[in-house]
Amino acid sequence: MVDRVTATDEALVLIEKLKDKFGPVMFHQSGGCCDGSSPMCYPDGDFRIGQSDVKLGDIGGSPFYMSKDQYNYWKHTQLIIDVVDGRGGMFSLEGPEGKRFLTRSRVFSEEERKQLT
């Protein structure tokens, strides 16, 4: 089965570091407001998930969500959460680490799309 969201090894290492520091964490793909369109990491439960959010899966044992409207644009792609040097969203937990999460994507193959439906 194919995952809708996955993470690079470097991202998984950073997730573990943040979990050691803050406890369980969660992710929400920002829709482009104040912090642009980036994956935001919060202490689990600090970001209120609502009926307009879709859970895409888990990365590093942490849930990953995005809004339904945004999901409709991205549903044909696999999200790959990566890490780069720099400052990310001011509300995301990785900021003080000098790193930021970044979403990369790739279009699902026809075979993968069949597995998703």
N, C-alpha and C. Protein backbone atom coordinates (compact mmCIF):
# COMPACT_ATOMS: atom_id res chain seq x y z
N MET A 1 0.84 -1.18 0.00
CA MET A 1 0.00 0.00 0.00
C MET A 1 0.89 1.25 0.00
N VAL A 2 0.46 2.24 -0.70
CA VAL A 2 1.22 3.48 -0.83
C VAL A 2 0.75 4.49 0.22
N ASP A 3 1.69 5.26 0.75
CA ASP A 3 1.36 6.27 1.75
C ASP A 3 1.09 7.61 1.08
N ARG A 4 0.14 8.36 1.61
CA ARG A 4 -0.14 9.71 1.10
C ARG A 4 0.90 10.70 1.59
N VAL A 5 1.50 10.42 2.75
CA VAL A 5 2.54 11.29 3.29
C VAL A 5 3.65 10.40 3.84
N THR A 6 4.87 10.82 3.59
CA THR A 6 6.04 10.10 4.06
C THR A 6 7.09 11.13 4.48
N ALA A 7 8.20 10.68 5.03
CA ALA A 7 9.24 11.61 5.48
C ALA A 7 10.61 11.05 5.16
N THR A 8 11.54 11.95 4.90
CA THR A 8 12.92 11.55 4.67
C THR A 8 13.55 11.12 5.99
N ASP A 9 14.66 10.43 5.89
CA ASP A 9 15.37 10.01 7.11
C ASP A 9 15.74 11.21 7.97
N GLU A 10 16.20 12.30 7.34
CA GLU A 10 16.58 13.49 8.09
C GLU A 10 15.38 14.09 8.83
N ALA A 11 14.23 14.08 8.19
CA ALA A 11 13.01 14.58 8.85
C ALA A 11 12.64 13.69 10.03
N LEU A 12 12.77 12.38 9.86
CA LEU A 12 12.43 11.46 10.95
C LEU A 12 13.35 11.67 12.16
N VAL A 13 14.62 11.95 11.90
CA VAL A 13 15.56 12.23 13.00
C VAL A 13 15.12 13.49 13.75
N LEU A 14 14.76 14.53 13.02
CA LEU A 14 14.32 15.78 13.66
C LEU A 14 13.01 15.57 14.42
N ILE A 15 12.10 14.79 13.87
CA ILE A 15 10.84 14.50 14.58
C ILE A 15 11.14 13.83 15.91
N GLU A 16 12.03 12.86 15.91
CA GLU A 16 12.39 12.17 17.17
C GLU A 16 13.00 13.15 18.17
N LYS A 17 13.85 14.04 17.69
CA LYS A 17 14.46 15.05 18.56
C LYS A 17 13.38 15.94 19.18
N LEU A 18 12.42 16.35 18.37
CA LEU A 18 11.34 17.20 18.88
C LEU A 18 10.45 16.44 19.86
N LYS A 19 10.20 15.16 19.59
CA LYS A 19 9.39 14.35 20.51
C LYS A 19 10.11 14.17 21.85
N ASP A 20 11.43 14.01 21.81
CA ASP A 20 12.20 13.90 23.05
C ASP A 20 12.10 15.18 23.87
N LYS A 21 12.05 16.30 23.18
CA LYS A 21 12.02 17.61 23.83
C LYS A 21 10.62 18.02 24.30
N PHE A 22 9.60 17.74 23.44
CA PHE A 22 8.25 18.26 23.70
C PHE A 22 7.19 17.19 23.97
N GLY A 23 7.53 15.93 23.82
CA GLY A 23 6.53 14.88 23.93
C GLY A 23 5.91 14.65 22.55
N PRO A 24 4.76 13.97 22.50
CA PRO A 24 4.12 13.68 21.21
C PRO A 24 3.87 14.96 20.42
N VAL A 25 4.06 14.86 19.09
CA VAL A 25 3.84 16.01 18.21
C VAL A 25 2.86 15.63 17.11
N MET A 26 2.38 16.65 16.42
CA MET A 26 1.48 16.47 15.29
C MET A 26 1.87 17.47 14.21
N PHE A 27 1.39 17.23 12.99
CA PHE A 27 1.68 18.12 11.87
C PHE A 27 0.39 18.57 11.19
N HIS A 28 0.42 19.80 10.70
CA HIS A 28 -0.65 20.32 9.86
C HIS A 28 0.00 21.07 8.72
N GLN A 29 -0.37 20.71 7.50
CA GLN A 29 0.16 21.40 6.33
C GLN A 29 -0.47 22.77 6.24
N SER A 30 0.34 23.80 6.41
CA SER A 30 -0.14 25.17 6.36
C SER A 30 -0.70 25.46 4.97
N GLY A 31 -1.77 26.24 4.94
CA GLY A 31 -2.43 26.55 3.68
C GLY A 31 -1.96 27.83 3.03
N GLY A 32 -0.89 28.43 3.48
CA GLY A 32 -0.35 29.58 2.80
C GLY A 32 -0.64 30.91 3.46
N CYS A 33 -1.04 30.92 4.70
CA CYS A 33 -1.31 32.18 5.40
C CYS A 33 0.01 32.78 5.88
N CYS A 34 0.10 33.05 7.15
CA CYS A 34 1.24 33.75 7.74
C CYS A 34 2.59 33.07 7.48
N ASP A 35 2.63 31.77 7.56
CA ASP A 35 3.89 31.05 7.44
C ASP A 35 4.05 30.38 6.08
N GLY A 36 3.33 30.84 5.08
CA GLY A 36 3.44 30.23 3.77
C GLY A 36 2.76 28.88 3.73
N SER A 37 3.18 28.04 2.85
CA SER A 37 2.62 26.70 2.73
C SER A 37 3.69 25.71 3.15
N SER A 38 3.74 25.45 4.42
CA SER A 38 4.76 24.55 4.94
C SER A 38 4.15 23.63 5.99
N PRO A 39 4.79 22.49 6.22
CA PRO A 39 4.29 21.61 7.28
C PRO A 39 4.65 22.21 8.64
N MET A 40 3.66 22.38 9.45
CA MET A 40 3.84 22.97 10.77
C MET A 40 3.79 21.86 11.82
N CYS A 41 4.74 21.88 12.74
CA CYS A 41 4.83 20.88 13.80
C CYS A 41 4.44 21.51 15.12
N TYR A 42 3.51 20.88 15.82
CA TYR A 42 2.98 21.38 17.10
C TYR A 42 3.02 20.27 18.14
N PRO A 43 3.04 20.63 19.43
CA PRO A 43 2.80 19.60 20.44
C PRO A 43 1.44 18.97 20.14
N ASP A 44 1.35 17.67 20.26
CA ASP A 44 0.10 16.98 19.93
C ASP A 44 -1.06 17.58 20.71
N GLY A 45 -2.08 18.00 20.00
CA GLY A 45 -3.27 18.58 20.61
C GLY A 45 -3.26 20.10 20.66
N ASP A 46 -2.12 20.74 20.40
CA ASP A 46 -2.06 22.21 20.46
C ASP A 46 -2.70 22.88 19.25
N PHE A 47 -2.79 22.16 18.14
CA PHE A 47 -3.48 22.70 16.97
C PHE A 47 -4.83 22.01 16.90
N ARG A 48 -5.86 22.79 16.85
CA ARG A 48 -7.21 22.22 16.87
C ARG A 48 -7.60 21.68 15.49
N ILE A 49 -7.79 20.39 15.41
CA ILE A 49 -8.22 19.73 14.17
C ILE A 49 -9.74 19.78 14.13
N GLY A 50 -10.27 20.15 12.96
CA GLY A 50 -11.72 20.26 12.82
C GLY A 50 -12.26 19.40 11.69
N GLN A 51 -13.54 19.56 11.44
CA GLN A 51 -14.20 18.78 10.39
C GLN A 51 -13.67 19.11 9.01
N SER A 52 -13.02 20.25 8.87
CA SER A 52 -12.49 20.64 7.56
C SER A 52 -11.06 20.16 7.36
N ASP A 53 -10.57 19.27 8.22
CA ASP A 53 -9.22 18.74 8.10
C ASP A 53 -9.26 17.25 7.77
N VAL A 54 -8.25 16.81 7.02
CA VAL A 54 -8.12 15.42 6.59
C VAL A 54 -6.81 14.88 7.14
N LYS A 55 -6.86 13.70 7.76
CA LYS A 55 -5.63 13.05 8.20
C LYS A 55 -5.07 12.25 7.02
N LEU A 56 -3.84 12.60 6.61
CA LEU A 56 -3.21 11.92 5.48
C LEU A 56 -2.46 10.66 5.91
N GLY A 57 -2.08 10.61 7.16
CA GLY A 57 -1.30 9.48 7.66
C GLY A 57 -0.45 9.92 8.82
N ASP A 58 0.61 9.17 9.06
CA ASP A 58 1.54 9.45 10.15
C ASP A 58 2.95 9.49 9.61
N ILE A 59 3.77 10.37 10.17
CA ILE A 59 5.20 10.38 9.89
C ILE A 59 5.92 10.35 11.23
N GLY A 60 6.85 9.44 11.37
CA GLY A 60 7.56 9.30 12.63
C GLY A 60 6.63 9.03 13.80
N GLY A 61 5.52 8.36 13.54
CA GLY A 61 4.55 8.07 14.60
C GLY A 61 3.70 9.26 14.98
N SER A 62 3.72 10.31 14.18
CA SER A 62 2.99 11.55 14.47
C SER A 62 1.95 11.81 13.37
N PRO A 63 0.74 12.17 13.74
CA PRO A 63 -0.31 12.40 12.74
C PRO A 63 -0.03 13.63 11.88
N PHE A 64 -0.46 13.55 10.62
CA PHE A 64 -0.25 14.62 9.65
C PHE A 64 -1.59 14.96 9.00
N TYR A 65 -1.98 16.23 9.09
CA TYR A 65 -3.28 16.70 8.59
C TYR A 65 -3.11 17.84 7.59
N MET A 66 -4.16 18.06 6.81
CA MET A 66 -4.28 19.26 5.98
C MET A 66 -5.77 19.53 5.78
N SER A 67 -6.08 20.76 5.38
CA SER A 67 -7.49 21.11 5.18
C SER A 67 -8.06 20.35 3.98
N LYS A 68 -9.36 20.09 4.00
CA LYS A 68 -10.02 19.39 2.90
C LYS A 68 -9.84 20.14 1.59
N ASP A 69 -9.99 21.46 1.61
CA ASP A 69 -9.84 22.24 0.39
C ASP A 69 -8.45 22.08 -0.20
N GLN A 70 -7.44 22.15 0.63
CA GLN A 70 -6.07 21.99 0.15
C GLN A 70 -5.83 20.55 -0.32
N TYR A 71 -6.39 19.60 0.40
CA TYR A 71 -6.26 18.19 0.02
C TYR A 71 -6.78 17.95 -1.40
N ASN A 72 -7.86 18.62 -1.76
CA ASN A 72 -8.42 18.45 -3.11
C ASN A 72 -7.42 18.83 -4.19
N TYR A 73 -6.52 19.75 -3.91
CA TYR A 73 -5.48 20.12 -4.87
C TYR A 73 -4.31 19.14 -4.86
N TRP A 74 -4.04 18.53 -3.71
CA TRP A 74 -2.85 17.69 -3.54
C TRP A 74 -3.13 16.19 -3.58
N LYS A 75 -4.39 15.79 -3.71
CA LYS A 75 -4.74 14.37 -3.56
C LYS A 75 -4.09 13.45 -4.59
N HIS A 76 -3.63 13.99 -5.69
CA HIS A 76 -2.98 13.18 -6.72
C HIS A 76 -1.47 13.04 -6.47
N THR A 77 -0.99 13.60 -5.37
CA THR A 77 0.44 13.57 -5.08
C THR A 77 0.74 12.94 -3.72
N GLN A 78 1.93 12.40 -3.63
CA GLN A 78 2.44 11.94 -2.35
C GLN A 78 3.26 13.09 -1.76
N LEU A 79 2.99 13.43 -0.51
CA LEU A 79 3.77 14.46 0.16
C LEU A 79 4.98 13.81 0.82
N ILE A 80 6.13 14.40 0.61
CA ILE A 80 7.37 13.91 1.19
C ILE A 80 7.92 15.03 2.07
N ILE A 81 7.89 14.81 3.37
CA ILE A 81 8.33 15.83 4.31
C ILE A 81 9.84 15.70 4.49
N ASP A 82 10.51 16.81 4.24
CA ASP A 82 11.96 16.86 4.29
C ASP A 82 12.37 17.96 5.28
N VAL A 83 13.67 18.11 5.48
CA VAL A 83 14.21 19.13 6.37
C VAL A 83 15.32 19.86 5.64
N VAL A 84 15.33 21.18 5.78
CA VAL A 84 16.41 22.00 5.23
C VAL A 84 16.88 22.97 6.31
N ASP A 85 18.07 23.51 6.14
CA ASP A 85 18.57 24.51 7.06
C ASP A 85 17.76 25.80 6.91
N GLY A 86 17.58 26.51 7.99
CA GLY A 86 16.89 27.79 7.94
C GLY A 86 15.75 27.86 8.94
N ARG A 87 15.13 29.01 8.97
CA ARG A 87 14.02 29.23 9.89
C ARG A 87 12.71 28.99 9.15
N GLY A 88 11.85 28.23 9.77
CA GLY A 88 10.54 27.95 9.18
C GLY A 88 9.48 28.82 9.80
N GLY A 89 8.29 28.26 9.90
CA GLY A 89 7.17 28.97 10.48
C GLY A 89 7.43 29.32 11.93
N MET A 90 7.05 30.51 12.30
CA MET A 90 7.35 30.97 13.66
C MET A 90 6.62 30.19 14.74
N PHE A 91 5.56 29.48 14.37
CA PHE A 91 4.81 28.71 15.37
C PHE A 91 5.18 27.23 15.36
N SER A 92 6.04 26.81 14.45
CA SER A 92 6.41 25.41 14.32
C SER A 92 7.58 25.10 15.25
N LEU A 93 7.54 23.93 15.87
CA LEU A 93 8.50 23.56 16.92
C LEU A 93 9.95 23.49 16.47
N GLU A 94 10.21 23.25 15.19
CA GLU A 94 11.60 23.05 14.76
C GLU A 94 12.38 24.35 14.60
N GLY A 95 11.72 25.49 14.62
CA GLY A 95 12.37 26.78 14.40
C GLY A 95 13.64 26.99 15.19
N PRO A 96 13.64 26.80 16.50
CA PRO A 96 14.86 27.03 17.28
C PRO A 96 16.01 26.06 16.96
N GLU A 97 15.72 25.00 16.24
CA GLU A 97 16.75 24.02 15.88
C GLU A 97 17.59 24.48 14.69
N GLY A 98 17.20 25.60 14.06
CA GLY A 98 17.92 26.06 12.87
C GLY A 98 17.57 25.26 11.63
N LYS A 99 16.48 24.53 11.71
CA LYS A 99 15.99 23.69 10.61
C LYS A 99 14.55 24.06 10.35
N ARG A 100 14.06 23.67 9.17
CA ARG A 100 12.63 23.83 8.91
C ARG A 100 12.16 22.66 8.08
N PHE A 101 10.93 22.24 8.35
CA PHE A 101 10.32 21.19 7.55
C PHE A 101 9.90 21.78 6.22
N LEU A 102 9.98 20.98 5.18
CA LEU A 102 9.64 21.40 3.84
C LEU A 102 8.86 20.28 3.17
N THR A 103 7.80 20.63 2.44
CA THR A 103 7.02 19.62 1.74
C THR A 103 7.48 19.54 0.29
N ARG A 104 7.86 18.34 -0.09
CA ARG A 104 8.13 18.04 -1.49
C ARG A 104 6.99 17.12 -1.94
N SER A 105 6.79 16.98 -3.22
CA SER A 105 5.72 16.10 -3.67
C SER A 105 6.08 15.42 -4.97
N ARG A 106 5.38 14.36 -5.23
CA ARG A 106 5.50 13.67 -6.51
C ARG A 106 4.13 13.13 -6.87
N VAL A 107 3.84 13.09 -8.15
CA VAL A 107 2.55 12.60 -8.62
C VAL A 107 2.52 11.08 -8.49
N PHE A 108 1.40 10.56 -7.97
CA PHE A 108 1.24 9.11 -7.89
C PHE A 108 1.20 8.51 -9.28
N SER A 109 1.77 7.33 -9.42
CA SER A 109 1.66 6.59 -10.68
C SER A 109 0.23 6.05 -10.79
N GLU A 110 -0.13 5.61 -11.97
CA GLU A 110 -1.46 5.04 -12.18
C GLU A 110 -1.69 3.84 -11.26
N GLU A 111 -0.68 3.00 -11.13
CA GLU A 111 -0.78 1.83 -10.24
C GLU A 111 -0.99 2.25 -8.79
N GLU A 112 -0.26 3.26 -8.35
CA GLU A 112 -0.42 3.76 -6.98
C GLU A 112 -1.82 4.36 -6.77
N ARG A 113 -2.32 5.08 -7.75
CA ARG A 113 -3.67 5.66 -7.63
C ARG A 113 -4.72 4.58 -7.44
N LYS A 114 -4.55 3.45 -8.11
CA LYS A 114 -5.48 2.32 -7.96
C LYS A 114 -5.46 1.81 -6.52
N GLN A 115 -4.28 1.80 -5.91
CA GLN A 115 -4.15 1.33 -4.53
C GLN A 115 -4.81 2.29 -3.55
N LEU A 116 -4.89 3.57 -3.90
CA LEU A 116 -5.46 4.56 -3.00
C LEU A 116 -6.98 4.54 -2.96
N THR A 117 -7.61 4.10 -4.06
CA THR A 117 -9.08 4.16 -4.12
C THR A 117 -9.73 2.92 -3.54
